Structures are given as C-alpha cells and as structure tokens.
Amino acid sequence: MATSAEVAAHAGVSRSTVSQIFNGHEHLFADATVERVRASARELGYRPSVAGRTLVRGTSDIVITIIPDVTFNPRLRELIDVVTEGLASAGLTNLLRFAGSGDSLHDTILGLRPYGVVSLAPVPPALRKRMLAQGVHLIEQSTAQQVAIDRAIGQLQARHLVSAGYESIAVVLPAEAREQSFASPREEGVQQWAAENGVHVLPTLRIAMEHSDANAAVRQLPTDSVGVAAYNDEVAVAVLAAAVYQGRKVPEDLGIIGIDNSPVAHATSPSITTVDYDMKFSGQEIVKTLLRAPEASLDPEAEFDVERRLAIVRGGSTRSS
C-alpha cells in the first residue's frame, strides 16, 4: 500500500499538505491542489489510517446522513447514492439514519464521533450545539430553501397544465401526515401561480394510496378540461388508474402531471408527464459544502440553481402544448 510520502511525491506537494487534505483541512488549499492529491491517492491506492485520522481530528471517517421521514423513493435514493459516492472519493463512509429516531439518533451521532452530518431534515438546536462542540461538520438545508424549491415545483406544474389548455387545476396530495412538509409548499406553489394568472383552482384532494380513495377523488373532478397537479409520480399513477377505470379521457379531458421523473412514471399507459430535478447537482453541492467548513448551510445561490434545473419531462398524460 502506498504511503503519504509517495502520494506527496506523485502529486508534487509536501507530505504535510497530503496529511492536512486527508484530515479535514482541504479548505486551506486550492481546489486544483486538492483534486491533484486525491487523484494521486486513487492512482496509487493510498488509504489513510482510520485510527490515525481519528486521533488527529478527534472524529471518525463516518458521515451520517439524516433522511426525513418520508417515502424513500428512487429519486431520494439517487441523491443518497451521489452523496455516498462523493464522500467515498474523499475517504469518508456514509451511514443513513431516519429523522425521528429520537434519543437513539442523538446517541448514535455523538457516540460515533462522525466527521460530518448531512441533515435533510431539521436538526434540534440542542443536538446541533453538541455536534459542533465535538467538531462535527454539519450541513443543513434550511427549511426556507426547501420550501422555495417545492413552491417552484408547484408553480411549474400549474404553468404546464395551463399551457396545455386545461381550464382549471386540482391539487392531489397524499393523506399521510409525514408527507405534508413537502406537500404543503407544492400546493402553495400551484395556488400562488394560479392566483397570479387568473386560473381557477379546485379544492385540494387528499388520498390514501388505495384504489377506493383515488376513485373517490377522480369522481369529484369536473368532466372536462381539468389538470391534476399530483404530489409525486406515485399519486399521479393512482389518479391515472382511477381515471382509466372510470372511462375518463386522458389527456383530452383530464391532464395529470407528477413529480420525480421516477421509473413508475414511464411504466404506465399513457406515461406520466412529470417534473424532473437534478439530483446529481444537489448531491455534489452537499459534498462540496460538507468538506468546506465545520458548519455551513447550502449556498442559497446553489439552491436557486437547483430551481433553475427543474424541467418538465413530457409523457402522454397531458396534452401537447
């Protein structure tokens, strides 16, 4: 196995530089230097001593990603995969824990003495204070930033439905309480855009993911020219199945748009029109921020960039504009 001295010689830097980069101080060096050292380490097969790094830094090589208590869908898994891959390239191991684990979550975080915590859910102030006191790198996406993104998604759904010629819009959300932190701002985004553009919005419908609930919801919709802004692709599929069962004409009289661009959206007939967002970009931003400073929020400009990366993936469930 290669030594840090060999990596230093290969990268054209000092051994101290290699040590600092692999011990959490890469923010002290130019990006090009950090990348050159990491590339040399990969090429030579260098792996820093876990025990040594823990002694030097006072933290382990573990990063804990806290996942919000929502459905673990393929797109969330994609984000986790990007973060895990990025951390691995920096010599870090990603462990997942769900938010809402209570004291066991606190004990796990403090007991493992992780290098960092990536929280996709709000962190209690007391736990945040204790983590930072231990030198843990903490990355949080602010609630305000997440709300802004979800509202932008809802606005994009409404804009697409109206551009496709639907005269009114109905928002369909899941009934599960755990989904509401994302569902509510998406609903607000639809309503806000519709109000600003003089579009009629029907009362919001909430369904359990059951055939009877989706059927009951579709029966409440007008018989012609209504667009459904669904919470995600799974809800969109449930609405589509109920509409087909009832003999509704999709997309002529009833348009449906989901969110996530998940595999299920492409498996139906007609396929689901959906909103896609760039998970790779989001994951890379999380890793860059984690490695930059002990306490940092995701760059608001980067979050705005995520909003700009939202895109409509056209399926057969809405009319052609």
Protein backbone atom coordinates (compact mmCIF):
# COMPACT_ATOMS: atom_id res chain seq x y z
CA MET A 1 0.00 0.00 0.00
CA ALA A 2 1.25 3.48 -0.86
CA THR A 3 2.38 5.89 1.84
CA SER A 4 1.51 9.56 2.27
CA ALA A 5 5.10 10.40 1.27
CA GLU A 6 4.63 8.59 -2.05
CA VAL A 7 1.34 10.42 -2.66
CA ALA A 8 3.07 13.72 -1.91
CA ALA A 9 5.87 12.99 -4.35
CA HIS A 10 3.43 11.88 -7.04
CA ALA A 11 1.27 14.99 -6.63
CA GLY A 12 4.21 17.37 -6.31
CA VAL A 13 3.27 18.64 -2.85
CA SER A 14 4.58 18.27 0.67
CA ARG A 15 3.68 15.36 2.94
CA SER A 16 2.11 17.92 5.29
CA THR A 17 -0.25 19.02 2.52
CA VAL A 18 -1.37 15.42 1.95
CA SER A 19 -1.92 14.98 5.68
CA GLN A 20 -3.97 18.16 6.02
CA ILE A 21 -6.14 17.41 3.00
CA PHE A 22 -6.97 13.93 4.30
CA ASN A 23 -7.57 15.21 7.80
CA GLY A 24 -10.38 17.63 7.04
CA HIS A 25 -8.45 20.78 6.17
CA GLU A 26 -8.75 20.77 2.40
CA HIS A 27 -10.44 24.19 2.55
CA LEU A 28 -6.96 25.62 3.16
CA PHE A 29 -5.83 24.66 -0.33
CA ALA A 30 -6.80 25.46 -3.90
CA ASP A 31 -9.34 23.13 -5.49
CA ALA A 32 -6.78 22.11 -8.11
CA THR A 33 -4.30 21.06 -5.39
CA VAL A 34 -6.93 19.05 -3.52
CA GLU A 35 -8.02 17.27 -6.69
CA ARG A 36 -4.40 16.52 -7.67
CA VAL A 37 -3.67 14.98 -4.25
CA ARG A 38 -6.86 12.91 -4.28
CA ALA A 39 -6.21 11.77 -7.85
CA SER A 40 -2.70 10.67 -6.87
CA ALA A 41 -4.07 8.82 -3.85
CA ARG A 42 -6.59 6.98 -6.04
CA GLU A 43 -3.96 6.10 -8.64
CA LEU A 44 -1.51 4.79 -6.05
CA GLY A 45 -4.17 3.04 -3.95
CA TYR A 46 -3.43 5.13 -0.87
CA ARG A 47 -5.73 4.74 2.11
CA PRO A 48 -5.07 6.92 5.18
CA SER A 49 -5.11 5.19 8.55
CA VAL A 50 -8.58 5.39 10.08
CA ALA A 51 -7.21 5.19 13.60
CA GLY A 52 -4.60 7.83 12.87
CA ARG A 53 -7.10 10.23 11.36
CA THR A 54 -9.45 9.79 14.30
CA LEU A 55 -6.65 10.60 16.73
CA VAL A 56 -5.56 13.66 14.75
CA ARG A 57 -9.04 15.07 14.12
CA GLY A 58 -10.92 13.78 17.13
CA THR A 59 -13.58 12.45 14.75
CA SER A 60 -14.03 9.29 12.70
CA ASP A 61 -14.23 8.86 8.91
CA ILE A 62 -18.00 8.41 9.15
CA VAL A 63 -20.61 10.81 7.80
CA ILE A 64 -24.20 10.35 8.96
CA THR A 65 -26.93 11.39 6.55
CA ILE A 66 -30.24 12.06 8.29
CA ILE A 67 -33.16 11.32 5.99
CA PRO A 68 -36.58 12.93 6.51
CA ASP A 69 -39.39 10.61 7.50
CA VAL A 70 -40.95 10.44 4.03
CA THR A 71 -41.30 7.71 1.43
CA PHE A 72 -37.83 6.53 0.38
CA ASN A 73 -38.41 6.87 -3.34
CA PRO A 74 -35.95 6.20 -6.20
CA ARG A 75 -35.00 9.87 -6.56
CA LEU A 76 -34.12 10.21 -2.87
CA ARG A 77 -32.05 7.05 -3.24
CA GLU A 78 -30.34 8.66 -6.25
CA LEU A 79 -29.41 11.68 -4.14
CA ILE A 80 -28.03 9.43 -1.40
CA ASP A 81 -26.01 7.49 -3.99
CA VAL A 82 -24.42 10.70 -5.31
CA VAL A 83 -23.57 11.88 -1.79
CA THR A 84 -22.18 8.45 -0.83
CA GLU A 85 -20.01 8.29 -3.95
CA GLY A 86 -18.69 11.81 -3.39
CA LEU A 87 -17.86 11.11 0.23
CA ALA A 88 -16.16 7.83 -0.67
CA SER A 89 -13.86 9.68 -3.06
CA ALA A 90 -12.84 11.82 -0.07
CA GLY A 91 -12.18 8.73 2.07
CA LEU A 92 -15.41 9.01 4.05
CA THR A 93 -18.13 6.44 4.75
CA ASN A 94 -21.79 7.44 4.60
CA LEU A 95 -24.25 5.98 7.11
CA LEU A 96 -28.00 6.60 6.88
CA ARG A 97 -30.42 7.28 9.71
CA PHE A 98 -34.03 8.37 9.54
CA ALA A 99 -35.09 11.54 11.32
CA GLY A 100 -37.47 10.96 14.19
CA SER A 101 -35.32 8.22 15.76
CA GLY A 102 -35.36 10.23 18.98
CA ASP A 103 -32.68 9.72 21.60
CA SER A 104 -31.19 6.76 19.71
CA LEU A 105 -30.30 9.11 16.86
CA HIS A 106 -28.64 11.53 19.25
CA ASP A 107 -26.70 8.70 20.90
CA THR A 108 -25.58 7.32 17.54
CA ILE A 109 -24.31 10.66 16.30
CA LEU A 110 -22.46 11.56 19.47
CA GLY A 111 -21.19 8.04 20.09
CA LEU A 112 -19.68 7.56 16.63
CA ARG A 113 -17.98 10.95 16.69
CA PRO A 114 -18.61 11.37 12.94
CA TYR A 115 -16.61 13.62 10.67
CA GLY A 116 -19.85 15.16 9.50
CA VAL A 117 -23.63 15.07 9.48
CA VAL A 118 -25.70 15.79 6.39
CA SER A 119 -29.20 16.54 7.54
CA LEU A 120 -32.03 16.56 5.03
CA ALA A 121 -34.37 17.22 7.96
CA PRO A 122 -34.28 19.94 10.67
CA VAL A 123 -31.76 19.35 13.46
CA PRO A 124 -32.86 20.14 17.05
CA PRO A 125 -30.90 23.14 18.38
CA ALA A 126 -29.51 21.24 21.38
CA LEU A 127 -28.15 18.45 19.18
CA ARG A 128 -26.69 20.98 16.74
CA LYS A 129 -24.83 22.68 19.57
CA ARG A 130 -23.41 19.41 20.89
CA MET A 131 -22.29 18.25 17.45
CA LEU A 132 -20.50 21.49 16.67
CA ALA A 133 -18.81 21.35 20.07
CA GLN A 134 -17.38 17.97 19.04
CA GLY A 135 -16.02 19.41 15.80
CA VAL A 136 -18.59 17.65 13.62
CA HIS A 137 -19.07 19.17 10.16
CA LEU A 138 -22.79 19.88 9.92
CA ILE A 139 -24.66 20.54 6.69
CA GLU A 140 -28.30 21.51 6.81
CA GLN A 141 -30.65 22.60 4.08
CA SER A 142 -32.72 25.36 5.58
CA THR A 143 -36.47 24.94 5.74
CA ALA A 144 -36.83 28.19 3.79
CA GLN A 145 -34.71 26.86 0.93
CA GLN A 146 -36.64 23.58 0.75
CA VAL A 147 -39.97 25.42 0.80
CA ALA A 148 -38.80 27.69 -2.03
CA ILE A 149 -37.86 24.69 -4.16
CA ASP A 150 -41.16 22.90 -3.50
CA ARG A 151 -43.13 26.05 -4.32
CA ALA A 152 -41.19 26.37 -7.56
CA ILE A 153 -42.16 22.78 -8.40
CA GLY A 154 -45.84 23.54 -7.81
CA GLN A 155 -45.64 26.68 -9.93
CA LEU A 156 -44.03 24.74 -12.77
CA GLN A 157 -46.79 22.12 -12.61
CA ALA A 158 -49.50 24.78 -12.80
CA ARG A 159 -47.78 26.60 -15.66
CA HIS A 160 -47.51 23.41 -17.67
CA LEU A 161 -51.14 22.41 -17.15
CA VAL A 162 -52.41 25.81 -18.22
CA SER A 163 -50.08 25.93 -21.24
CA ALA A 164 -51.55 22.55 -22.22
CA GLY A 165 -55.00 24.15 -22.29
CA TYR A 166 -56.63 22.91 -19.09
CA GLU A 167 -59.10 25.46 -17.72
CA SER A 168 -58.94 24.53 -14.03
CA ILE A 169 -56.43 22.81 -11.74
CA ALA A 170 -56.85 20.34 -8.89
CA VAL A 171 -54.04 19.54 -6.48
CA VAL A 172 -53.98 15.92 -5.28
CA LEU A 173 -51.86 15.14 -2.22
CA PRO A 174 -51.23 12.03 -0.13
CA ALA A 175 -53.20 11.77 3.11
CA GLU A 176 -50.13 10.66 5.11
CA ALA A 177 -49.09 13.25 7.66
CA ARG A 178 -45.39 12.55 7.18
CA GLU A 179 -45.50 13.86 3.59
CA GLN A 180 -47.05 17.23 4.45
CA SER A 181 -43.83 19.18 4.96
CA PHE A 182 -43.19 18.78 1.23
CA ALA A 183 -46.81 18.62 0.10
CA SER A 184 -47.96 21.94 1.56
CA PRO A 185 -45.45 24.21 -0.23
CA ARG A 186 -46.07 22.38 -3.51
CA GLU A 187 -49.78 23.05 -3.08
CA GLU A 188 -49.00 26.69 -2.25
CA GLY A 189 -46.90 26.97 -5.41
CA VAL A 190 -49.81 25.82 -7.58
CA GLN A 191 -52.26 28.13 -5.83
CA GLN A 192 -49.94 31.13 -5.97
CA TRP A 193 -49.23 30.77 -9.68
CA ALA A 194 -52.91 30.21 -10.46
CA ALA A 195 -53.98 33.27 -8.46
CA GLU A 196 -51.43 35.45 -10.23
CA ASN A 197 -52.62 34.22 -13.63
CA GLY A 198 -56.37 34.13 -13.07
CA VAL A 199 -56.70 30.34 -13.19
CA HIS A 200 -59.41 28.54 -11.23
CA VAL A 201 -58.13 26.09 -8.60
CA LEU A 202 -60.46 23.39 -7.31
CA PRO A 203 -60.43 22.27 -3.66
CA THR A 204 -57.37 20.18 -2.82
CA LEU A 205 -57.94 16.44 -2.70
CA ARG A 206 -56.09 14.12 -0.31
CA ILE A 207 -55.94 10.41 -0.92
CA ALA A 208 -54.61 7.30 0.73
CA MET A 209 -52.75 5.14 -1.76
CA GLU A 210 -55.71 2.86 -2.26
CA HIS A 211 -57.96 2.21 -5.25
CA SER A 212 -61.12 3.37 -3.47
CA ASP A 213 -59.61 6.70 -2.37
CA ALA A 214 -58.26 7.53 -5.82
CA ASN A 215 -61.59 6.60 -7.39
CA ALA A 216 -63.49 8.84 -4.99
CA ALA A 217 -61.12 11.73 -5.73
CA VAL A 218 -61.46 11.43 -9.50
CA ARG A 219 -65.26 11.37 -9.22
CA GLN A 220 -65.09 14.83 -7.62
CA LEU A 221 -63.30 16.33 -10.63
CA PRO A 222 -65.11 18.13 -13.47
CA THR A 223 -65.80 16.03 -16.52
CA ASP A 224 -63.73 18.12 -18.90
CA SER A 225 -60.64 20.32 -19.17
CA VAL A 226 -59.15 19.85 -15.69
CA GLY A 227 -55.47 19.40 -14.92
CA VAL A 228 -54.26 17.49 -11.88
CA ALA A 229 -51.08 18.60 -10.12
CA ALA A 230 -50.11 15.44 -8.22
CA TYR A 231 -47.78 15.41 -5.21
CA ASN A 232 -45.48 12.89 -6.89
CA ASP A 233 -45.46 10.24 -9.60
CA GLU A 234 -46.99 7.61 -7.33
CA VAL A 235 -50.00 9.82 -6.65
CA ALA A 236 -50.19 10.64 -10.35
CA VAL A 237 -50.29 6.93 -11.21
CA ALA A 238 -53.09 6.36 -8.69
CA VAL A 239 -55.12 9.19 -10.24
CA LEU A 240 -54.44 7.87 -13.76
CA ALA A 241 -55.54 4.33 -12.82
CA ALA A 242 -58.79 5.66 -11.32
CA ALA A 243 -59.43 7.85 -14.36
CA VAL A 244 -58.94 4.96 -16.78
CA TYR A 245 -61.15 2.74 -14.61
CA GLN A 246 -63.90 5.34 -14.81
CA GLY A 247 -63.54 5.80 -18.56
CA ARG A 248 -62.17 9.33 -18.34
CA LYS A 249 -60.27 10.57 -21.39
CA VAL A 250 -56.61 11.19 -20.53
CA PRO A 251 -55.15 13.57 -21.64
CA GLU A 252 -58.05 15.04 -23.67
CA ASP A 253 -60.36 15.88 -20.75
CA LEU A 254 -58.14 15.15 -17.76
CA GLY A 255 -54.46 16.03 -17.60
CA ILE A 256 -52.10 14.69 -14.93
CA ILE A 257 -48.60 15.82 -14.01
CA GLY A 258 -46.45 14.25 -11.29
CA ILE A 259 -43.08 14.98 -9.71
CA ASP A 260 -39.83 12.97 -9.53
CA ASN A 261 -39.35 11.55 -13.03
CA SER A 262 -39.32 8.14 -11.38
CA PRO A 263 -39.35 4.82 -13.26
CA VAL A 264 -43.04 4.28 -12.47
CA ALA A 265 -43.91 7.42 -14.47
CA HIS A 266 -42.61 5.74 -17.62
CA ALA A 267 -44.27 2.38 -16.99
CA THR A 268 -47.91 3.46 -17.38
CA SER A 269 -50.06 3.86 -20.45
CA PRO A 270 -50.19 6.70 -21.13
CA SER A 271 -46.90 7.59 -19.46
CA ILE A 272 -46.94 10.31 -16.80
CA THR A 273 -45.82 13.85 -17.54
CA THR A 274 -43.56 14.72 -14.61
CA VAL A 275 -41.21 17.30 -13.10
CA ASP A 276 -37.56 16.30 -13.01
CA TYR A 277 -34.83 17.86 -10.90
CA ASP A 278 -31.08 17.46 -10.96
CA MET A 279 -30.21 15.14 -8.08
CA LYS A 280 -26.60 14.81 -9.19
CA PHE A 281 -26.06 18.57 -8.91
CA SER A 282 -27.73 18.67 -5.48
CA GLY A 283 -25.65 15.78 -4.17
CA GLN A 284 -22.41 17.26 -5.41
CA GLU A 285 -23.23 20.58 -3.74
CA ILE A 286 -23.86 18.79 -0.45
CA VAL A 287 -20.47 17.04 -0.57
CA LYS A 288 -18.59 20.21 -1.56
CA THR A 289 -20.20 22.12 1.29
CA LEU A 290 -19.53 19.37 3.84
CA LEU A 291 -15.82 19.29 3.00
CA ARG A 292 -15.51 23.07 3.07
CA ALA A 293 -16.26 24.10 6.66
CA PRO A 294 -17.32 22.72 10.08
CA GLU A 295 -20.68 24.49 9.95
CA ALA A 296 -22.24 25.57 6.70
CA SER A 297 -25.57 25.91 5.03
CA LEU A 298 -26.09 25.03 1.41
CA ASP A 299 -25.35 28.07 -0.72
CA PRO A 300 -28.63 29.90 -1.45
CA GLU A 301 -27.31 30.60 -4.95
CA ALA A 302 -26.78 26.87 -5.43
CA GLU A 303 -30.33 26.23 -4.27
CA PHE A 304 -31.55 28.81 -6.77
CA ASP A 305 -29.56 26.92 -9.37
CA VAL A 306 -31.48 23.78 -8.38
CA GLU A 307 -34.75 25.66 -9.03
CA ARG A 308 -33.48 26.59 -12.48
CA ARG A 309 -32.66 22.95 -13.13
CA LEU A 310 -36.28 21.86 -12.71
CA ALA A 311 -37.62 20.55 -16.01
CA ILE A 312 -40.79 19.08 -17.46
CA VAL A 313 -40.45 15.54 -18.80
CA ARG A 314 -43.36 15.14 -21.17
CA GLY A 315 -45.43 11.98 -21.12
CA GLY A 316 -48.81 11.13 -22.53
CA SER A 317 -50.86 12.19 -19.52
CA THR A 318 -51.08 15.86 -20.56
CA ARG A 319 -51.97 17.46 -23.90
CA SER A 320 -49.27 18.72 -26.21
CA SER A 321 -48.88 22.47 -25.72
